[in-house]
C-alpha atoms as a PDB file:
ATOM      1  CA  MET A   1      50.735 148.193 148.861  1.00  0.00           C
ATOM      2  CA  ILE A   2      47.297 146.203 148.862  1.00  0.00           C
ATOM      3  CA  LYS A   3      47.373 147.308 145.024  1.00  0.00           C
ATOM      4  CA  ILE A   4      50.597 146.682 144.692  1.00  0.00           C
ATOM      5  CA  PHE A   5      51.134 143.229 146.307  1.00  0.00           C
ATOM      6  CA  ILE A   6      48.107 141.478 144.339  1.00  0.00           C
ATOM      7  CA  PHE A   7      50.174 143.339 141.340  1.00  0.00           C
ATOM      8  CA  LEU A   8      53.353 141.552 142.038  1.00  0.00           C
ATOM      9  CA  ILE A   9      51.066 138.226 142.980  1.00  0.00           C
ATOM     10  CA  ILE A  10      50.232 138.731 139.316  1.00  0.00           C
ATOM     11  CA  SER A  11      52.221 139.461 137.835  1.00  0.00           C
ATOM     12  CA  HIS A  12      54.647 136.362 139.540  1.00  0.00           C
ATOM     13  CA  PHE A  13      51.779 134.168 138.065  1.00  0.00           C
ATOM     14  CA  LEU A  14      51.673 135.267 134.760  1.00  0.00           C
ATOM     15  CA  LEU A  15      55.524 135.115 134.357  1.00  0.00           C
ATOM     16  CA  PHE A  16      55.778 131.226 135.858  1.00  0.00           C
ATOM     17  CA  SER A  17      52.865 131.055 133.696  1.00  0.00           C
ATOM     18  CA  CYS A  18      54.467 132.393 130.508  1.00  0.00           C
ATOM     19  CA  SER A  19      57.712 130.128 131.058  1.00  0.00           C
ATOM     20  CA  GLN A  20      56.212 127.420 131.978  1.00  0.00           C
ATOM     21  CA  LYS A  21      54.888 127.614 128.547  1.00  0.00           C
ATOM     22  CA  LYS A  22      57.906 128.454 127.630  1.00  0.00           C
ATOM     23  CA  VAL A  23      59.416 125.007 128.581  1.00  0.00           C
ATOM     24  CA  GLU A  24      56.686 122.775 127.369  1.00  0.00           C
ATOM     25  CA  ILE A  25      57.235 125.084 124.058  1.00  0.00           C
ATOM     26  CA  ASP A  26      61.207 124.790 124.155  1.00  0.00           C
ATOM     27  CA  LYS A  27      60.161 120.504 124.597  1.00  0.00           C
ATOM     28  CA  ILE A  28      58.388 120.012 122.076  1.00  0.00           C
ATOM     29  CA  LYS A  29      60.329 121.864 120.333  1.00  0.00           C
ATOM     30  CA  GLU A  30      63.648 119.737 121.221  1.00  0.00           C
ATOM     31  CA  ILE A  31      61.079 116.271 120.600  1.00  0.00           C
ATOM     32  CA  LYS A  32      61.088 117.180 116.651  1.00  0.00           C
ATOM     33  CA  ILE A  33      64.442 118.239 117.020  1.00  0.00           C
ATOM     34  CA  GLU A  34      65.147 114.609 117.951  1.00  0.00           C
ATOM     35  CA  ASP A  35      63.013 113.254 115.515  1.00  0.00           C
ATOM     36  CA  GLN A  36      64.403 114.604 112.304  1.00  0.00           C
ATOM     37  CA  MET A  37      67.775 114.091 113.850  1.00  0.00           C
ATOM     38  CA  ILE A  38      66.691 110.182 114.153  1.00  0.00           C
ATOM     39  CA  THR A  39      65.389 110.228 110.641  1.00  0.00           C
ATOM     40  CA  SER A  40      68.515 112.017 109.214  1.00  0.00           C
ATOM     41  CA  TYR A  41      70.244 108.966 110.857  1.00  0.00           C
ATOM     42  CA  ASN A  42      68.464 106.088 109.962  1.00  0.00           C
ATOM     43  CA  GLU A  43      68.570 107.996 106.547  1.00  0.00           C
ATOM     44  CA  GLY A  44      72.627 107.898 106.618  1.00  0.00           C
ATOM     45  CA  LEU A  45      72.729 104.244 107.679  1.00  0.00           C
ATOM     46  CA  GLU A  46      70.330 102.960 105.112  1.00  0.00           C
ATOM     47  CA  ALA A  47      72.124 105.048 102.035  1.00  0.00           C
ATOM     48  CA  LEU A  48      75.747 103.547 103.224  1.00  0.00           C
ATOM     49  CA  LYS A  49      73.533 100.191 103.119  1.00  0.00           C
ATOM     50  CA  SER A  50      72.592 100.975  99.366  1.00  0.00           C
ATOM     51  CA  GLY A  51      76.150 101.725  98.527  1.00  0.00           C
ATOM     52  CA  ASN A  52      75.390 105.497  98.725  1.00  0.00           C
ATOM     53  CA  ALA A  53      78.274 106.580 100.706  1.00  0.00           C
ATOM     54  CA  PHE A  54      78.532 110.258 100.127  1.00  0.00           C
ATOM     55  CA  VAL A  55      74.997 110.815 100.468  1.00  0.00           C
ATOM     56  CA  ALA A  56      74.869 108.599 103.843  1.00  0.00           C
ATOM     57  CA  ALA A  57      77.404 110.870 105.384  1.00  0.00           C
ATOM     58  CA  GLU A  58      75.374 113.940 104.909  1.00  0.00           C
ATOM     59  CA  LYS A  59      72.902 112.492 106.391  1.00  0.00           C
ATOM     60  CA  PHE A  60      74.970 111.559 109.067  1.00  0.00           C
ATOM     61  CA  GLY A  61      76.365 115.163 109.585  1.00  0.00           C
ATOM     62  CA  GLU A  62      72.953 116.721 109.528  1.00  0.00           C
ATOM     63  CA  ALA A  63      72.318 114.210 112.491  1.00  0.00           C
ATOM     64  CA  GLU A  64      74.599 115.785 114.337  1.00  0.00           C
ATOM     65  CA  ILE A  65      73.741 119.309 113.111  1.00  0.00           C
ATOM     66  CA  LEU A  66      70.130 118.905 114.162  1.00  0.00           C
ATOM     67  CA  PHE A  67      71.284 117.894 117.673  1.00  0.00           C
ATOM     68  CA  PRO A  68      74.446 118.492 118.964  1.00  0.00           C
ATOM     69  CA  GLN A  69      73.776 117.881 122.746  1.00  0.00           C
ATOM     70  CA  SER A  70      72.297 114.199 122.047  1.00  0.00           C
ATOM     71  CA  VAL A  71      74.356 111.279 122.385  1.00  0.00           C
ATOM     72  CA  TRP A  72      73.770 110.389 119.298  1.00  0.00           C
ATOM     73  CA  ALA A  73      75.940 113.751 117.839  1.00  0.00           C
ATOM     74  CA  PRO A  74      79.350 111.972 118.202  1.00  0.00           C
ATOM     75  CA  ARG A  75      78.324 108.861 116.680  1.00  0.00           C
ATOM     76  CA  SER A  76      77.075 110.848 113.558  1.00  0.00           C
ATOM     77  CA  ALA A  77      80.566 112.293 113.734  1.00  0.00           C
ATOM     78  CA  LEU A  78      82.352 109.229 113.304  1.00  0.00           C
ATOM     79  CA  MET A  79      79.504 107.135 110.962  1.00  0.00           C
ATOM     80  CA  ALA A  80      80.066 110.541 108.385  1.00  0.00           C
ATOM     81  CA  ALA A  81      83.561 109.641 108.568  1.00  0.00           C
ATOM     82  CA  TYR A  82      83.299 106.295 107.884  1.00  0.00           C
ATOM     83  CA  SER A  83      80.851 106.431 104.957  1.00  0.00           C
ATOM     84  CA  TYR A  84      83.720 109.068 103.444  1.00  0.00           C
ATOM     85  CA  TYR A  85      86.349 106.220 104.224  1.00  0.00           C
ATOM     86  CA  THR A  86      84.300 103.349 102.883  1.00  0.00           C
ATOM     87  CA  TYR A  87      83.773 106.073  99.438  1.00  0.00           C
ATOM     88  CA  GLY A  88      87.338 106.709  98.902  1.00  0.00           C
ATOM     89  CA  LEU A  89      87.914 110.091 100.011  1.00  0.00           C
ATOM     90  CA  TYR A  90      90.400 109.684 103.050  1.00  0.00           C
ATOM     91  CA  GLU A  91      90.965 113.701 103.194  1.00  0.00           C
ATOM     92  CA  ASP A  92      87.562 114.106 104.379  1.00  0.00           C
ATOM     93  CA  SER A  93      87.479 111.139 106.537  1.00  0.00           C
ATOM     94  CA  ILE A  94      90.803 112.182 107.922  1.00  0.00           C
ATOM     95  CA  TYR A  95      88.903 115.428 108.341  1.00  0.00           C
ATOM     96  CA  GLU A  96      85.842 114.699 109.860  1.00  0.00           C
ATOM     97  CA  LEU A  97      88.098 112.409 112.678  1.00  0.00           C
ATOM     98  CA  GLN A  98      90.358 115.020 113.729  1.00  0.00           C
ATOM     99  CA  ARG A  99      86.811 117.342 114.077  1.00  0.00           C
ATOM    100  CA  TYR A 100      85.406 114.550 116.239  1.00  0.00           C
ATOM    101  CA  LEU A 101      88.446 114.159 117.964  1.00  0.00           C
ATOM    102  CA  LYS A 102      88.298 117.994 119.105  1.00  0.00           C
ATOM    103  CA  VAL A 103      85.197 118.090 120.063  1.00  0.00           C
ATOM    104  CA  TYR A 104      84.248 114.718 121.765  1.00  0.00           C
ATOM    105  CA  PRO A 105      87.655 114.157 122.998  1.00  0.00           C
ATOM    106  CA  LEU A 106      86.017 111.572 125.608  1.00  0.00           C
ATOM    107  CA  HIS A 107      83.715 110.269 123.591  1.00  0.00           C
ATOM    108  CA  GLU A 108      83.725 106.291 124.231  1.00  0.00           C
ATOM    109  CA  ARG A 109      84.391 105.446 120.569  1.00  0.00           C
ATOM    110  CA  LYS A 110      87.443 107.673 120.476  1.00  0.00           C
ATOM    111  CA  GLY A 111      89.943 104.655 120.240  1.00  0.00           C
ATOM    112  CA  TYR A 112      88.010 103.593 117.111  1.00  0.00           C
ATOM    113  CA  ALA A 113      88.277 107.200 115.788  1.00  0.00           C
ATOM    114  CA  TYR A 114      92.374 106.429 115.869  1.00  0.00           C
ATOM    115  CA  TYR A 115      92.129 102.948 114.342  1.00  0.00           C
ATOM    116  CA  LEU A 116      89.931 104.882 111.471  1.00  0.00           C
ATOM    117  CA  LEU A 117      92.289 107.852 110.945  1.00  0.00           C
ATOM    118  CA  ALA A 118      95.212 105.437 110.607  1.00  0.00           C
ATOM    119  CA  LEU A 119      93.543 103.508 107.831  1.00  0.00           C
ATOM    120  CA  SER A 120      92.607 106.553 106.323  1.00  0.00           C
ATOM    121  CA  TYR A 121      96.513 106.961 106.074  1.00  0.00           C
ATOM    122  CA  TYR A 122      97.400 103.527 105.086  1.00  0.00           C
ATOM    123  CA  GLU A 123      94.857 103.355 102.128  1.00  0.00           C
ATOM    124  CA  GLN A 124      96.664 106.234 100.346  1.00  0.00           C
ATOM    125  CA  ILE A 125     100.323 104.317 100.675  1.00  0.00           C
ATOM    126  CA  ILE A 126     101.254 104.348  96.953  1.00  0.00           C
ATOM    127  CA  ASP A 127     104.803 104.679  96.468  1.00  0.00           C
ATOM    128  CA  GLU A 128     106.915 104.636  99.823  1.00  0.00           C
ATOM    129  CA  LYS A 129     109.975 105.629  98.128  1.00  0.00           C
ATOM    130  CA  LYS A 130     108.187 109.249  96.839  1.00  0.00           C
ATOM    131  CA  ASP A 131     106.024 110.175  99.563  1.00  0.00           C
ATOM    132  CA  LEU A 132     106.379 108.788 103.494  1.00  0.00           C
ATOM    133  CA  GLN A 133     103.595 111.242 104.993  1.00  0.00           C
ATOM    134  CA  PRO A 134     100.880 108.599 105.257  1.00  0.00           C
ATOM    135  CA  ILE A 135     102.832 105.872 105.905  1.00  0.00           C
ATOM    136  CA  ILE A 136     104.391 108.281 109.150  1.00  0.00           C
ATOM    137  CA  GLN A 137     100.925 109.485 109.692  1.00  0.00           C
ATOM    138  CA  SER A 138      99.314 106.056 109.970  1.00  0.00           C
ATOM    139  CA  LYS A 139     102.354 104.007 112.132  1.00  0.00           C
ATOM    140  CA  ILE A 140     101.437 107.080 114.664  1.00  0.00           C
ATOM    141  CA  TYR A 141      97.841 106.526 115.072  1.00  0.00           C
ATOM    142  CA  PHE A 142      98.257 102.594 114.944  1.00  0.00           C
ATOM    143  CA  GLU A 143     101.172 103.193 117.345  1.00  0.00           C
ATOM    144  CA  ILE A 144      98.470 104.897 120.048  1.00  0.00           C
ATOM    145  CA  VAL A 145      95.895 102.166 119.186  1.00  0.00           C
ATOM    146  CA  ALA A 146      98.488  99.362 119.638  1.00  0.00           C
ATOM    147  CA  LYS A 147      99.403 101.059 122.738  1.00  0.00           C
ATOM    148  CA  ASP A 148      96.598 103.221 124.685  1.00  0.00           C
ATOM    149  CA  TYR A 149      93.699 100.338 123.285  1.00  0.00           C
ATOM    150  CA  PRO A 150      95.432  97.098 123.626  1.00  0.00           C
ATOM    151  CA  LYS A 151      92.484  95.145 124.440  1.00  0.00           C
ATOM    152  CA  SER A 152      89.962  96.821 121.845  1.00  0.00           C
ATOM    153  CA  GLU A 153      88.770  94.722 119.072  1.00  0.00           C
ATOM    154  CA  PHE A 154      91.385  96.782 116.270  1.00  0.00           C
ATOM    155  CA  ALA A 155      94.068  96.024 117.956  1.00  0.00           C
ATOM    156  CA  ALA A 156      95.447  92.691 116.914  1.00  0.00           C
ATOM    157  CA  ASP A 157      95.386  94.123 113.292  1.00  0.00           C
ATOM    158  CA  ALA A 158      96.721  97.967 114.412  1.00  0.00           C
ATOM    159  CA  VAL A 159      99.935  95.473 115.189  1.00  0.00           C
ATOM    160  CA  TYR A 160      99.334  93.636 112.389  1.00  0.00           C
ATOM    161  CA  LYS A 161      99.436  96.650 110.305  1.00  0.00           C
ATOM    162  CA  LEU A 162     102.392  98.139 112.177  1.00  0.00           C
ATOM    163  CA  ASP A 163     104.420  94.917 111.063  1.00  0.00           C
ATOM    164  CA  LEU A 164     103.762  96.281 107.350  1.00  0.00           C
ATOM    165  CA  ILE A 165     104.691  99.392 107.363  1.00  0.00           C
ATOM    166  CA  GLU A 166     107.802  98.665 109.028  1.00  0.00           C
ATOM    167  CA  ASP A 167     108.685  95.922 105.856  1.00  0.00           C
ATOM    168  CA  ILE A 168     107.864  98.801 103.906  1.00  0.00           C
ATOM    169  CA  MET A 169     110.132 101.182 105.765  1.00  0.00           C
ATOM    170  CA  ALA A 170     112.818  99.189 106.111  1.00  0.00           C
ATOM    171  CA  SER A 171     112.417  98.504 101.566  1.00  0.00           C
ATOM    172  CA  LYS A 172     112.715 102.042 101.515  1.00  0.00           C
ATOM    173  CA  GLU A 173     115.886 102.354 103.103  1.00  0.00           C
ATOM    174  CA  MET A 174     117.026  99.272 101.225  1.00  0.00           C
ATOM    175  CA  TYR A 175     116.352 100.380  97.721  1.00  0.00           C
ATOM    176  CA  LEU A 176     117.882 103.438  98.602  1.00  0.00           C
ATOM    177  CA  GLY A 177     121.038 101.263  99.891  1.00  0.00           C
ATOM    178  CA  ARG A 178     121.500  99.594  96.852  1.00  0.00           C
ATOM    179  CA  TYR A 179     121.184 102.982  94.685  1.00  0.00           C
ATOM    180  CA  TYR A 180     124.096 104.482  96.428  1.00  0.00           C
ATOM    181  CA  LEU A 181     125.885 100.979  96.254  1.00  0.00           C
ATOM    182  CA  GLU A 182     125.711 100.692  92.978  1.00  0.00           C
ATOM    183  CA  LYS A 183     127.138 104.656  92.072  1.00  0.00           C
ATOM    184  CA  GLU A 184     129.762 103.246  94.774  1.00  0.00           C
ATOM    185  CA  LYS A 185     128.324 106.227  96.728  1.00  0.00           C
ATOM    186  CA  TRP A 186     129.785 104.376 100.021  1.00  0.00           C
ATOM    187  CA  ILE A 187     128.866 105.940 102.926  1.00  0.00           C
ATOM    188  CA  PRO A 188     125.716 107.063 102.394  1.00  0.00           C
ATOM    189  CA  ALA A 189     124.697 103.433 101.486  1.00  0.00           C
ATOM    190  CA  ILE A 190     126.189 102.220 104.204  1.00  0.00           C
ATOM    191  CA  ASN A 191     124.225 104.588 106.362  1.00  0.00           C
ATOM    192  CA  ARG A 192     121.247 103.678 104.419  1.00  0.00           C
ATOM    193  CA  PHE A 193     121.479  99.405 105.721  1.00  0.00           C
ATOM    194  CA  LYS A 194     122.655 100.497 109.209  1.00  0.00           C
ATOM    195  CA  ILE A 195     119.631 102.318 109.504  1.00  0.00           C
ATOM    196  CA  VAL A 196     117.583  98.910 108.526  1.00  0.00           C
ATOM    197  CA  VAL A 197     120.022  96.934 111.049  1.00  0.00           C
ATOM    198  CA  ASP A 198     119.122  99.479 114.138  1.00  0.00           C
ATOM    199  CA  ASP A 199     115.398 100.086 113.638  1.00  0.00           C
ATOM    200  CA  TYR A 200     114.158  97.747 112.026  1.00  0.00           C
ATOM    201  CA  ASN A 201     116.082  94.621 112.463  1.00  0.00           C
ATOM    202  CA  ARG A 202     112.641  92.880 112.786  1.00  0.00           C
ATOM    203  CA  THR A 203     111.966  92.744 108.887  1.00  0.00           C
ATOM    204  CA  ILE A 204     113.117  90.479 106.008  1.00  0.00           C
ATOM    205  CA  TYR A 205     115.731  93.004 104.903  1.00  0.00           C
ATOM    206  CA  ILE A 206     117.707  92.628 107.654  1.00  0.00           C
ATOM    207  CA  GLU A 207     120.093  89.806 106.198  1.00  0.00           C
ATOM    208  CA  GLU A 208     120.534  91.447 103.108  1.00  0.00           C
ATOM    209  CA  ALA A 209     121.366  94.811 105.132  1.00  0.00           C
ATOM    210  CA  LEU A 210     124.249  92.601 107.055  1.00  0.00           C
ATOM    211  CA  HIS A 211     125.429  91.397 103.824  1.00  0.00           C
ATOM    212  CA  ARG A 212     125.707  95.004 102.117  1.00  0.00           C
ATOM    213  CA  LEU A 213     127.402  96.190 105.166  1.00  0.00           C
ATOM    214  CA  VAL A 214     130.597  93.183 105.335  1.00  0.00           C
ATOM    215  CA  GLU A 215     130.852  93.779 101.297  1.00  0.00           C
ATOM    216  CA  ILE A 216     130.802  97.678 101.261  1.00  0.00           C
ATOM    217  CA  HIS A 217     133.273  97.303 104.330  1.00  0.00           C
ATOM    218  CA  PHE A 218     135.273  95.344 103.127  1.00  0.00           C
ATOM    219  CA  LYS A 219     135.694  96.774  99.390  1.00  0.00           C
ATOM    220  CA  ILE A 220     136.774 100.471 101.002  1.00  0.00           C
ATOM    221  CA  GLY A 221     139.237  98.197 103.399  1.00  0.00           C
ATOM    222  CA  LEU A 222     137.999  98.806 106.393  1.00  0.00           C
ATOM    223  CA  ILE A 223     138.458  94.827 106.981  1.00  0.00           C
ATOM    224  CA  GLU A 224     137.638  94.553 111.294  1.00  0.00           C
ATOM    225  CA  GLU A 225     134.777  96.974 110.394  1.00  0.00           C
ATOM    226  CA  SER A 226     133.316  93.982 108.189  1.00  0.00           C
ATOM    227  CA  LYS A 227     134.407  91.411 109.996  1.00  0.00           C
ATOM    228  CA  LYS A 228     132.109  92.391 112.943  1.00  0.00           C
ATOM    229  CA  TYR A 229     128.890  92.568 110.570  1.00  0.00           C
ATOM    230  CA  ALA A 230     129.839  88.710 109.273  1.00  0.00           C
ATOM    231  CA  ASN A 231     130.281  87.707 112.668  1.00  0.00           C
ATOM    232  CA  LEU A 232     127.231  88.872 113.473  1.00  0.00           C
ATOM    233  CA  LEU A 233     124.976  88.047 110.142  1.00  0.00           C
ATOM    234  CA  GLY A 234     126.968  84.120 110.993  1.00  0.00           C
ATOM    235  CA  TYR A 235     125.651  84.590 114.650  1.00  0.00           C
ATOM    236  CA  ASN A 236     122.079  84.739 113.896  1.00  0.00           C
ATOM    237  CA  TYR A 237     121.290  83.921 110.479  1.00  0.00           C
ATOM    238  CA  GLN A 238     123.720  81.282 109.269  1.00  0.00           C
ATOM    239  CA  SER A 239     121.555  79.122 106.922  1.00  0.00           C
ATOM    240  CA  SER A 240     120.972  82.265 105.034  1.00  0.00           C
ATOM    241  CA  GLN A 241     122.296  82.405 101.768  1.00  0.00           C
ATOM    242  CA  TRP A 242     123.169  86.418 102.244  1.00  0.00           C
ATOM    243  CA  TYR A 243     125.936  84.934 105.295  1.00  0.00           C
ATOM    244  CA  GLU A 244     126.990  82.172 101.965  1.00  0.00           C
ATOM    245  CA  LYS A 245     127.579  85.535 100.004  1.00  0.00           C
ATOM    246  CA  SER A 246     129.487  87.141 103.308  1.00  0.00           C
ATOM    247  CA  TYR A 247     131.398  84.319 103.261  1.00  0.00           C
ATOM    248  CA  LYS A 248     132.533  83.520  99.911  1.00  0.00           C
ATOM    249  CA  ILE A 249     133.979  87.431 100.480  1.00  0.00           C
ATOM    250  CA  PHE A 250     136.478  86.785 102.791  1.00  0.00           C
ATOM    251  CA  ASN A 251     137.138  82.794 101.046  1.00  0.00           C
ATOM    252  CA  LYS A 252     137.932  82.970  97.641  1.00  0.00           C
ATOM    253  CA  ASP A 253     138.801  79.580  97.746  1.00  0.00           C
ATOM    254  CA  TYR A 254     134.765  79.293  99.182  1.00  0.00           C
ATOM    255  CA  GLU A 255     133.513  77.574  95.645  1.00  0.00           C
ATOM    256  CA  ALA A 256     136.573  75.184  94.853  1.00  0.00           C
ATOM    257  CA  ILE A 257     135.960  73.716  98.414  1.00  0.00           C
ATOM    258  CA  ARG A 258     132.622  73.434  98.097  1.00  0.00           C
ATOM    259  CA  ASN A 259     132.522  71.608  94.335  1.00  0.00           C
ATOM    260  CA  THR A 260     135.460  69.652  96.417  1.00  0.00           C
ATOM    261  CA  LYS A 261     133.391  68.317  99.441  1.00  0.00           C
ATOM    262  CA  LYS A 262     130.044  68.213  96.606  1.00  0.00           C
ATOM    263  CA  ASN A 263     132.005  65.970  94.086  1.00  0.00           C
ATOM    264  CA  LYS A 264     133.487  63.369  97.264  1.00  0.00           C
ATOM    265  CA  LYS A 265     129.812  63.165  98.741  1.00  0.00           C
ATOM    266  CA  ASP A 266     128.997  61.924  95.530  1.00  0.00           C
ATOM    267  CA  SER A 267     131.627  59.782  94.579  1.00  0.00           C
ATOM    268  CA  SER A 268     131.029  58.491  97.966  1.00  0.00           C
ATOM    269  CA  LEU A 269     127.368  57.533  97.192  1.00  0.00           C
ATOM    270  CA  ILE A 270     128.314  56.246  94.060  1.00  0.00           C
ATOM    271  CA  LYS A 271     130.064  53.815  95.712  1.00  0.00           C
ATOM    272  CA  LYS A 272     127.686  52.659  97.768  1.00  0.00           C
ATOM    273  CA  PHE A 273     125.369  52.284  95.365  1.00  0.00           C
ATOM    274  CA  LYS A 274     127.791  50.280  93.357  1.00  0.00           C
ATOM    275  CA  THR A 275     128.128  47.583  96.284  1.00  0.00           C
ATOM    276  CA  LEU A 276     124.259  47.100  96.916  1.00  0.00           C
ATOM    277  CA  ILE A 277     123.819  45.705  92.517  1.00  0.00           C
ATOM    278  CA  LYS A 278     126.917  43.352  93.135  1.00  0.00           C
END
């Protein structure tokens, strides 16, 4: 029994000693890996500074892989995405950002990730008349930034970009509306201009959209509907050139009346001038 007891004690000591050595070895390895990770991260920063964004993205990716449990891992993932963005590789940037949001859902820089996602889509907007996907996606992510991170340093730019996106989307509807109007396809044209009035009434296209609705409804004989939009245009934008055009639709003698008023005004000014030089 004594021999067994001594054997157990020695075995326990040896196991403890081995486990302690293993922990020490693991710590040494961890320190070495952390050093490698820091080296890769710094190399990524240097590459980014020198304008070699593609190499920078690779180095930040290495840093994340080397020490995934480190606090630097999510930062490396974000920096890789940013590097791709600066290089114009928007699809790669989007992939990295979506992966970051999935792997590090609680990270403190999540708001910036949404902002960079929005920018990556926004930079791909080329022709809103053909491809709406970048516009829609950038709008979604800018809205997340504006709503969920209103006090962040990039919230103001997100709101500004949302206004620009609204203008872009309204211009698309106006383009289609004018096309249908030219082809005398009244119903599709009305639908497009109504979208601008209902959804994009803060854009610069609202006045023209209202005038087009006045014009089309008048042409197809829906006079009361035409008057409704004319009143709306007049109430909100009476000084607009589009209100003047709408006014002409209902007042055929408008030009003659305006010219008569102008002539009378000019005549009175001439009379005043003559009295001054007498």
